[in-house]
N, C-alpha and C. Protein backbone atom coordinates (compact mmCIF):
# COMPACT_ATOMS: atom_id res chain seq x y z
N MET A 1 109.40 104.68 117.71
CA MET A 1 110.12 103.36 118.18
C MET A 1 108.97 102.59 118.64
N PRO A 2 109.23 101.07 118.56
CA PRO A 2 108.24 100.29 119.09
C PRO A 2 108.19 100.40 120.47
N THR A 3 106.84 100.18 121.15
CA THR A 3 106.65 100.29 122.41
C THR A 3 107.37 99.00 123.17
N LYS A 4 107.32 99.12 124.49
CA LYS A 4 107.96 98.07 125.30
C LYS A 4 107.15 96.60 124.93
N LYS A 5 105.79 96.95 125.04
CA LYS A 5 104.87 95.78 124.90
C LYS A 5 105.04 95.18 123.63
N MET A 6 105.15 96.07 122.49
CA MET A 6 105.45 95.64 121.08
C MET A 6 106.77 94.84 121.09
N MET A 7 107.76 95.22 121.76
CA MET A 7 109.02 94.38 121.69
C MET A 7 108.99 93.26 122.39
N GLU A 8 108.23 93.04 123.52
CA GLU A 8 108.07 91.85 124.20
C GLU A 8 107.10 90.83 123.59
N GLU A 9 106.01 91.34 123.15
CA GLU A 9 104.73 90.55 122.68
C GLU A 9 104.80 90.56 121.04
N GLY A 10 105.30 91.36 120.40
CA GLY A 10 105.11 91.51 118.98
C GLY A 10 103.88 91.98 118.61
N GLY A 11 103.51 91.91 117.39
CA GLY A 11 102.11 92.25 116.84
C GLY A 11 102.31 93.17 115.68
N LEU A 12 101.22 93.85 115.19
CA LEU A 12 101.21 94.60 113.94
C LEU A 12 101.57 96.07 114.23
N MET A 13 102.40 96.65 113.51
CA MET A 13 102.89 98.09 113.62
C MET A 13 103.09 98.77 112.43
N HIS A 14 102.67 99.96 112.26
CA HIS A 14 102.79 100.60 111.04
C HIS A 14 104.01 101.61 111.34
N GLY A 15 104.80 101.92 110.41
CA GLY A 15 105.84 102.88 110.42
C GLY A 15 105.96 103.55 109.23
N PHE A 16 106.16 105.05 109.34
CA PHE A 16 106.16 105.91 108.18
C PHE A 16 107.54 106.79 108.23
N GLN A 17 108.06 107.01 107.14
CA GLN A 17 109.16 107.85 107.07
C GLN A 17 108.68 108.91 106.21
N ILE A 18 108.58 110.17 106.62
CA ILE A 18 108.09 111.29 106.06
C ILE A 18 109.29 112.24 105.84
N TRP A 19 109.59 112.63 104.59
CA TRP A 19 110.66 113.60 104.20
C TRP A 19 109.99 114.97 103.87
N VAL A 20 110.55 115.92 104.33
CA VAL A 20 110.02 117.39 104.03
C VAL A 20 111.00 118.02 103.12
N ASN A 21 110.62 118.47 101.86
CA ASN A 21 111.43 119.27 101.15
C ASN A 21 111.59 120.77 101.56
N LEU A 22 112.66 121.33 101.47
CA LEU A 22 112.83 122.69 102.02
C LEU A 22 113.26 123.48 100.72
N PRO A 23 112.88 124.90 100.89
CA PRO A 23 113.31 125.74 99.70
C PRO A 23 114.76 125.77 99.61
N ALA A 24 115.38 126.19 98.56
CA ALA A 24 116.61 126.06 98.18
C ALA A 24 117.45 126.93 99.12
N LYS A 25 116.95 127.97 99.62
CA LYS A 25 117.63 128.87 100.53
C LYS A 25 117.80 128.26 101.96
N ASP A 26 117.14 127.19 102.24
CA ASP A 26 117.19 126.54 103.52
C ASP A 26 118.00 125.12 103.37
N LYS A 27 118.19 124.67 102.21
CA LYS A 27 118.76 123.34 102.23
C LYS A 27 119.98 123.14 102.74
N MET A 28 120.87 124.15 102.72
CA MET A 28 122.20 124.10 103.43
C MET A 28 122.36 124.46 104.77
N MET A 29 121.29 124.77 105.43
CA MET A 29 121.14 125.13 106.81
C MET A 29 121.80 124.03 107.62
N ASN A 30 122.45 124.39 108.91
CA ASN A 30 122.99 123.31 109.74
C ASN A 30 121.91 122.33 110.16
N PRO A 31 122.37 121.04 109.94
CA PRO A 31 121.34 120.08 110.34
C PRO A 31 121.14 120.05 111.66
N ARG A 32 119.83 119.55 111.89
CA ARG A 32 119.30 119.63 113.31
C ARG A 32 118.46 118.44 113.58
N TYR A 33 118.30 117.96 114.66
CA TYR A 33 117.39 116.79 115.02
C TYR A 33 116.55 116.97 116.28
N GLN A 34 115.39 116.87 116.29
CA GLN A 34 114.43 116.94 117.36
C GLN A 34 113.86 115.68 117.75
N ASP A 35 114.40 115.11 118.96
CA ASP A 35 113.94 113.72 119.36
C ASP A 35 112.67 113.97 120.31
N ILE A 36 111.49 113.64 119.59
CA ILE A 36 110.27 114.07 120.32
C ILE A 36 109.63 112.57 120.57
N THR A 37 109.60 112.13 121.82
CA THR A 37 109.07 110.79 122.21
C THR A 37 107.56 111.02 122.08
N SER A 38 106.82 109.73 122.07
CA SER A 38 105.51 109.90 121.97
C SER A 38 104.82 110.55 123.17
N GLU A 39 105.35 110.33 124.27
CA GLU A 39 105.03 111.13 125.62
C GLU A 39 104.94 112.74 125.40
N ASP A 40 106.04 113.21 124.59
CA ASP A 40 106.14 114.66 124.41
C ASP A 40 105.26 115.01 123.19
N SER A 41 104.83 114.24 122.46
CA SER A 41 103.93 114.63 121.21
C SER A 41 102.49 114.83 121.68
N PRO A 42 101.87 115.99 121.47
CA PRO A 42 100.59 116.30 121.95
C PRO A 42 99.52 115.43 121.28
N ILE A 43 98.50 115.03 122.17
CA ILE A 43 97.36 114.18 121.75
C ILE A 43 96.17 114.95 122.13
N THR A 44 95.06 114.98 121.36
CA THR A 44 93.88 115.51 121.42
C THR A 44 92.63 114.44 121.13
N GLU A 45 91.65 114.54 121.99
CA GLU A 45 90.54 113.61 121.63
C GLU A 45 89.26 114.11 121.96
N LYS A 46 88.31 114.15 121.00
CA LYS A 46 87.01 114.72 121.04
C LYS A 46 85.98 114.07 120.14
N ASP A 47 84.76 113.66 120.78
CA ASP A 47 83.78 113.07 119.90
C ASP A 47 84.14 112.07 119.26
N GLY A 48 85.02 110.99 119.74
CA GLY A 48 85.27 109.84 118.82
C GLY A 48 86.42 110.06 117.94
N VAL A 49 87.16 111.27 118.09
CA VAL A 49 88.33 111.46 117.19
C VAL A 49 89.43 111.61 118.06
N TRP A 50 90.61 110.77 117.83
CA TRP A 50 91.82 110.75 118.52
C TRP A 50 92.73 111.43 117.38
N ALA A 51 93.82 112.36 117.99
CA ALA A 51 94.65 112.91 116.99
C ALA A 51 96.05 112.99 117.72
N ARG A 52 97.09 112.56 117.14
CA ARG A 52 98.42 112.90 117.64
C ARG A 52 99.02 113.87 116.67
N VAL A 53 99.27 115.10 117.34
CA VAL A 53 99.88 116.28 116.34
C VAL A 53 101.36 116.19 116.36
N VAL A 54 102.00 115.56 115.37
CA VAL A 54 103.25 115.62 115.28
C VAL A 54 103.82 116.86 114.70
N ALA A 55 103.31 117.32 113.71
CA ALA A 55 103.66 118.81 113.32
C ALA A 55 102.42 119.48 112.75
N GLY A 56 102.34 120.82 113.14
CA GLY A 56 101.16 121.66 112.74
C GLY A 56 100.17 121.79 113.97
N GLU A 57 98.88 121.69 113.52
CA GLU A 57 97.71 121.88 114.42
C GLU A 57 96.72 120.86 113.96
N CYS A 58 95.90 120.45 114.99
CA CYS A 58 94.70 119.76 114.78
C CYS A 58 93.87 119.96 116.00
N MET A 59 92.47 120.24 115.87
CA MET A 59 91.50 120.25 116.86
C MET A 59 91.95 121.24 117.91
N GLY A 60 92.56 122.35 117.52
CA GLY A 60 92.91 123.41 118.49
C GLY A 60 94.33 122.98 119.24
N VAL A 61 94.98 121.91 118.90
CA VAL A 61 96.21 121.56 119.65
C VAL A 61 97.34 121.72 118.60
N GLU A 62 98.54 122.36 119.15
CA GLU A 62 99.70 122.69 118.34
C GLU A 62 100.66 121.58 118.69
N SER A 63 101.55 121.24 117.52
CA SER A 63 102.59 120.18 117.95
C SER A 63 103.65 120.88 118.64
N SER A 64 104.70 120.05 119.39
CA SER A 64 105.76 120.46 119.97
C SER A 64 106.95 120.59 119.23
N ILE A 65 106.97 120.42 118.01
CA ILE A 65 108.34 120.71 117.28
C ILE A 65 108.34 121.89 116.46
N ASP A 66 109.42 122.24 116.06
CA ASP A 66 109.74 123.44 115.27
C ASP A 66 110.02 123.08 113.99
N THR A 67 109.41 123.70 113.05
CA THR A 67 109.47 123.34 111.53
C THR A 67 110.07 124.54 110.85
N VAL A 68 111.04 124.45 110.01
CA VAL A 68 111.57 125.60 109.05
C VAL A 68 110.35 126.12 108.30
N ILE A 69 109.46 125.29 107.58
CA ILE A 69 108.41 125.71 106.80
C ILE A 69 107.15 125.09 107.47
N PRO A 70 105.89 125.68 107.17
CA PRO A 70 104.74 125.32 107.82
C PRO A 70 104.30 123.89 107.26
N ILE A 71 104.34 123.01 108.17
CA ILE A 71 103.92 121.64 107.56
C ILE A 71 102.73 121.09 108.51
N THR A 72 102.09 120.08 108.13
CA THR A 72 101.07 119.33 108.93
C THR A 72 101.41 117.91 108.85
N TYR A 73 101.50 117.25 110.06
CA TYR A 73 101.65 115.80 110.05
C TYR A 73 100.85 115.26 111.33
N VAL A 74 99.67 114.70 111.00
CA VAL A 74 98.75 114.39 112.26
C VAL A 74 98.33 112.85 112.07
N HIS A 75 98.51 112.08 113.04
CA HIS A 75 98.07 110.65 113.09
C HIS A 75 96.69 110.77 113.62
N VAL A 76 95.65 110.37 112.85
CA VAL A 76 94.21 110.40 113.30
C VAL A 76 93.64 108.90 113.52
N LYS A 77 92.83 108.68 114.54
CA LYS A 77 92.02 107.57 114.64
C LYS A 77 90.41 108.06 114.87
N MET A 78 89.66 107.55 114.11
CA MET A 78 88.23 107.91 114.11
C MET A 78 87.31 106.62 114.51
N SER A 79 86.45 106.80 115.42
CA SER A 79 85.53 105.79 115.81
C SER A 79 84.41 105.84 114.69
N GLU A 80 83.67 104.82 114.59
CA GLU A 80 82.72 104.78 113.65
C GLU A 80 81.57 105.94 113.95
N ASN A 81 80.90 106.39 112.81
CA ASN A 81 80.10 107.46 112.79
C ASN A 81 80.52 108.82 113.35
N THR A 82 81.78 109.13 112.94
CA THR A 82 82.44 110.33 113.54
C THR A 82 82.77 111.30 112.38
N GLU A 83 83.06 112.45 112.82
CA GLU A 83 83.43 113.54 111.84
C GLU A 83 84.59 114.36 112.37
N LEU A 84 85.45 114.70 111.28
CA LEU A 84 86.54 115.69 111.76
C LEU A 84 86.63 116.68 110.61
N VAL A 85 86.52 118.07 111.03
CA VAL A 85 86.65 119.07 110.02
C VAL A 85 88.11 119.66 110.41
N LYS A 86 88.95 119.42 109.47
CA LYS A 86 90.38 119.86 109.68
C LYS A 86 90.60 121.27 108.96
N GLU A 87 91.12 122.13 109.79
CA GLU A 87 91.40 123.50 109.29
C GLU A 87 92.85 123.60 108.64
N PHE A 88 93.28 124.05 107.71
CA PHE A 88 94.53 124.32 107.09
C PHE A 88 94.84 125.75 106.93
N ILE A 89 96.10 126.16 107.16
CA ILE A 89 96.51 127.59 106.72
C ILE A 89 96.50 127.47 105.24
N GLU A 90 96.31 128.65 104.66
CA GLU A 90 96.12 128.85 103.15
C GLU A 90 97.38 128.35 102.53
N ASP A 91 97.46 127.97 101.25
CA ASP A 91 98.48 127.50 100.34
C ASP A 91 99.19 126.36 100.72
N LEU A 92 98.48 125.46 101.47
CA LEU A 92 99.20 124.14 101.86
C LEU A 92 98.63 123.11 100.98
N ASN A 93 99.44 122.28 100.35
CA ASN A 93 99.02 121.06 99.58
C ASN A 93 98.86 119.88 100.59
N GLY A 94 97.63 119.42 100.60
CA GLY A 94 97.16 118.42 101.58
C GLY A 94 96.89 117.04 101.00
N MET A 95 97.13 116.02 101.81
CA MET A 95 96.93 114.65 101.49
C MET A 95 96.46 113.83 102.64
N LEU A 96 95.72 112.79 102.51
CA LEU A 96 95.37 111.95 103.59
C LEU A 96 95.62 110.42 103.12
N TYR A 97 96.49 109.64 104.02
CA TYR A 97 96.81 108.41 103.73
C TYR A 97 96.14 107.40 104.82
N VAL A 98 95.18 106.57 104.27
CA VAL A 98 94.36 105.74 105.17
C VAL A 98 95.20 104.37 105.28
N PHE A 99 95.47 104.08 106.50
CA PHE A 99 96.00 102.58 106.65
C PHE A 99 95.26 101.93 107.64
N GLY A 100 93.92 102.11 107.72
CA GLY A 100 93.07 101.30 108.63
C GLY A 100 91.68 101.84 108.48
N GLY A 101 90.69 100.84 108.04
CA GLY A 101 89.28 101.46 107.90
C GLY A 101 89.08 102.10 106.67
N GLU A 102 88.21 103.04 106.76
CA GLU A 102 87.80 103.81 105.54
C GLU A 102 87.21 105.16 106.02
N ILE A 103 87.54 106.18 105.28
CA ILE A 103 86.94 107.52 105.54
C ILE A 103 86.17 107.98 104.19
N SER A 104 85.46 109.04 104.45
CA SER A 104 84.72 109.65 103.38
C SER A 104 85.37 111.23 103.34
N VAL A 105 85.76 111.78 102.15
CA VAL A 105 86.15 113.14 102.05
C VAL A 105 85.35 113.73 101.09
N GLU A 106 84.51 114.72 101.47
CA GLU A 106 83.77 115.49 100.64
C GLU A 106 82.87 114.54 99.72
N GLY A 107 82.45 113.39 100.52
CA GLY A 107 81.42 112.49 99.78
C GLY A 107 82.21 111.30 98.94
N LYS A 108 83.52 111.31 98.89
CA LYS A 108 84.37 110.34 98.25
C LYS A 108 84.98 109.27 99.13
N LYS A 109 84.78 108.11 99.01
CA LYS A 109 85.40 107.00 99.94
C LYS A 109 86.89 106.85 99.70
N VAL A 110 87.54 106.84 100.80
CA VAL A 110 88.98 106.53 100.74
C VAL A 110 89.24 105.30 101.57
N GLU A 111 89.72 104.27 101.08
CA GLU A 111 89.75 102.95 101.68
C GLU A 111 91.17 102.74 102.23
N ASP A 112 91.35 101.77 103.07
CA ASP A 112 92.73 101.26 103.57
C ASP A 112 93.74 101.11 102.44
N GLY A 113 94.85 101.72 102.69
CA GLY A 113 95.93 101.63 101.60
C GLY A 113 95.73 102.67 100.56
N SER A 114 94.88 103.56 100.64
CA SER A 114 94.71 104.68 99.51
C SER A 114 95.11 105.99 100.14
N LEU A 115 95.60 106.86 99.12
CA LEU A 115 95.95 108.16 99.31
C LEU A 115 94.98 109.10 98.85
N ALA A 116 94.38 110.12 99.27
CA ALA A 116 93.66 111.21 98.90
C ALA A 116 94.35 112.47 98.74
N LEU A 117 94.55 113.06 97.53
CA LEU A 117 95.01 114.33 97.43
C LEU A 117 93.98 115.30 97.70
N LEU A 118 94.09 116.33 98.34
CA LEU A 118 93.02 117.43 98.81
C LEU A 118 93.01 118.52 97.68
N SER A 119 91.86 119.06 97.26
CA SER A 119 91.81 120.15 96.69
C SER A 119 92.32 121.46 97.51
N PRO A 120 92.55 122.43 96.70
CA PRO A 120 93.05 123.69 97.42
C PRO A 120 91.75 124.22 98.32
N GLY A 121 92.20 124.71 99.38
CA GLY A 121 91.18 125.24 100.49
C GLY A 121 91.75 125.36 101.80
N THR A 122 90.93 125.81 102.73
CA THR A 122 91.41 126.12 104.05
C THR A 122 90.73 125.01 105.10
N GLN A 123 89.92 124.09 104.50
CA GLN A 123 89.48 123.01 105.45
C GLN A 123 88.88 121.87 104.59
N VAL A 124 88.97 120.71 105.29
CA VAL A 124 88.40 119.50 104.69
C VAL A 124 87.40 118.82 105.81
N ASN A 125 86.30 118.26 105.21
CA ASN A 125 85.49 117.44 106.18
C ASN A 125 85.68 115.97 105.88
N ILE A 126 86.14 115.41 106.92
CA ILE A 126 86.38 113.91 106.99
C ILE A 126 85.32 113.16 107.81
N GLN A 127 84.63 112.14 107.34
CA GLN A 127 83.75 111.32 108.00
C GLN A 127 84.23 109.80 108.00
N SER A 128 83.88 109.07 108.98
CA SER A 128 84.02 107.66 108.92
C SER A 128 82.73 106.99 109.54
N GLU A 129 82.11 106.20 108.83
CA GLU A 129 81.18 105.34 109.15
C GLU A 129 81.52 104.13 109.87
N ILE A 130 82.68 103.49 109.56
CA ILE A 130 83.25 102.14 110.21
C ILE A 130 84.30 102.41 111.11
N GLY A 131 84.93 103.62 111.12
CA GLY A 131 86.19 103.90 111.93
C GLY A 131 87.13 103.74 110.91
N ALA A 132 88.34 104.44 111.34
CA ALA A 132 89.55 104.61 110.41
C ALA A 132 90.76 104.94 111.15
N GLU A 133 91.91 104.78 110.61
CA GLU A 133 93.29 105.32 111.05
C GLU A 133 93.91 105.80 109.78
N PHE A 134 94.47 107.08 109.94
CA PHE A 134 95.04 107.75 108.87
C PHE A 134 96.06 108.77 109.10
N LEU A 135 96.81 109.34 108.15
CA LEU A 135 97.64 110.49 108.35
C LEU A 135 97.19 111.68 107.61
N ILE A 136 97.08 112.87 108.22
CA ILE A 136 97.00 114.06 107.58
C ILE A 136 98.28 114.59 107.21
N LEU A 137 98.62 115.02 106.02
CA LEU A 137 99.97 115.54 105.56
C LEU A 137 99.73 116.76 104.84
N ALA A 138 100.41 117.73 105.09
CA ALA A 138 100.39 118.91 104.30
C ALA A 138 101.60 119.83 104.40
N GLY A 139 101.83 120.51 103.30
CA GLY A 139 103.05 121.37 103.15
C GLY A 139 102.89 122.37 102.06
N PRO A 140 103.67 123.43 102.09
CA PRO A 140 103.54 124.38 100.93
C PRO A 140 104.16 123.93 99.55
N GLU A 141 103.82 124.52 98.48
CA GLU A 141 104.20 124.19 97.23
C GLU A 141 105.59 124.94 97.21
N ILE A 142 106.69 124.09 96.97
CA ILE A 142 108.05 124.82 96.82
C ILE A 142 108.21 125.32 95.47
N ASP A 143 107.71 124.65 94.45
CA ASP A 143 107.87 125.02 93.16
C ASP A 143 109.37 125.56 92.58
N GLU A 144 110.22 124.60 92.91
CA GLU A 144 111.55 124.63 92.58
C GLU A 144 111.97 123.19 91.96
N PRO A 145 112.96 123.19 91.11
CA PRO A 145 113.46 122.06 90.45
C PRO A 145 114.04 121.08 91.72
N ILE A 146 113.79 119.78 91.53
CA ILE A 146 114.18 118.63 92.32
C ILE A 146 115.22 117.78 91.69
N ALA A 147 116.30 117.59 92.34
CA ALA A 147 117.42 116.58 91.83
C ALA A 147 117.54 115.62 93.08
N ARG A 148 117.54 114.31 92.77
CA ARG A 148 117.77 113.50 93.91
C ARG A 148 118.74 112.22 93.37
N TYR A 149 119.32 111.85 94.47
CA TYR A 149 120.39 110.66 94.21
C TYR A 149 120.58 109.88 95.44
N GLY A 150 120.01 108.63 95.72
CA GLY A 150 120.09 108.11 97.02
C GLY A 150 119.27 108.78 97.97
N PRO A 151 120.04 109.22 99.12
CA PRO A 151 119.42 109.84 100.16
C PRO A 151 119.51 111.44 99.97
N PHE A 152 120.12 111.86 99.02
CA PHE A 152 120.39 113.23 98.61
C PHE A 152 119.28 113.90 97.81
N VAL A 153 118.65 114.99 98.30
CA VAL A 153 117.63 115.81 97.57
C VAL A 153 117.96 117.17 97.52
N MET A 154 118.31 117.69 96.31
CA MET A 154 118.79 119.07 96.17
C MET A 154 118.02 119.66 94.98
N ASN A 155 118.45 120.69 94.54
CA ASN A 155 117.73 121.59 93.50
C ASN A 155 118.40 121.06 92.04
N THR A 156 119.73 120.86 92.00
CA THR A 156 120.44 120.75 90.87
C THR A 156 121.41 119.57 90.87
N ARG A 157 121.74 119.12 89.65
CA ARG A 157 122.71 118.03 89.69
C ARG A 157 124.16 118.36 90.38
N GLU A 158 124.56 119.62 90.18
CA GLU A 158 125.74 120.00 90.72
C GLU A 158 125.66 120.07 92.26
N GLU A 159 124.56 120.47 92.71
CA GLU A 159 124.34 120.31 94.24
C GLU A 159 124.42 118.93 94.89
N ILE A 160 123.76 117.95 93.91
CA ILE A 160 123.96 116.56 94.23
C ILE A 160 125.41 116.04 94.52
N LEU A 161 126.22 116.42 93.37
CA LEU A 161 127.53 115.95 93.36
C LEU A 161 128.30 116.59 94.38
N GLN A 162 127.96 117.78 94.78
CA GLN A 162 128.66 118.43 95.95
C GLN A 162 128.29 117.77 97.26
N ALA A 163 127.05 117.24 97.43
CA ALA A 163 126.62 116.52 98.58
C ALA A 163 127.29 115.27 98.71
N ILE A 164 127.44 114.55 97.55
CA ILE A 164 127.97 113.32 97.43
C ILE A 164 129.61 113.57 97.95
N ASP A 165 130.15 114.55 97.41
CA ASP A 165 131.61 114.82 97.78
C ASP A 165 131.70 115.15 99.13
N ASP A 166 130.81 115.97 99.66
CA ASP A 166 130.93 116.42 101.23
C ASP A 166 130.73 115.17 101.88
N TYR A 167 129.78 114.11 101.63
CA TYR A 167 129.62 112.97 102.37
C TYR A 167 130.92 112.22 102.45
N GLN A 168 131.38 112.01 101.19
CA GLN A 168 132.69 111.07 101.06
C GLN A 168 133.89 111.70 101.81
N ASN A 169 133.96 113.03 101.97
CA ASN A 169 134.97 113.67 102.57
C ASN A 169 134.53 113.96 104.10
N GLY A 170 133.67 113.47 104.72
CA GLY A 170 133.33 113.58 106.00
C GLY A 170 132.85 114.89 106.58
N ILE A 171 132.38 115.74 105.48
CA ILE A 171 131.96 117.12 105.81
C ILE A 171 130.53 117.11 106.41
N LEU A 172 129.61 116.21 105.97
CA LEU A 172 128.29 116.26 106.52
C LEU A 172 128.36 115.76 107.92
N ALA A 173 127.60 116.62 108.81
CA ALA A 173 127.70 116.21 110.27
C ALA A 173 126.36 115.67 110.69
């Protein structure tokens, strides 16, 4: 949510909506919501690298949320001439989305407004010569079919039709 200062003074703000796909066996679990305010979301800072750990781990700090599957969602700000070595648990597909400045990943530049898909592995070396702000996102390969319609994401057309019917009948809570 916007800060009080942002609400009073206005300014530039980035907002991201991140959707997490679940395995078919977990898609019909009871819905849940975790309201984690920025004050409750852990932050770490070291050697010119600042990170808010929304989900997963970064620089030895664990997030405060509970996830059904292992995911990583970290907001990072790097000062100029800094480096971050991010460790991943095995088998996570990772990406970096830069929305300010520029980073270098394994020698390749990633500029503002660009997405870098990471190669398989357990760590990535990120450097910034001019400073940067970006998201680190990662999750497991679900490797199941995906069917989507509007806000509904399921595995089959039949499940989508059932979800729409449940919604229209007030069954979704």
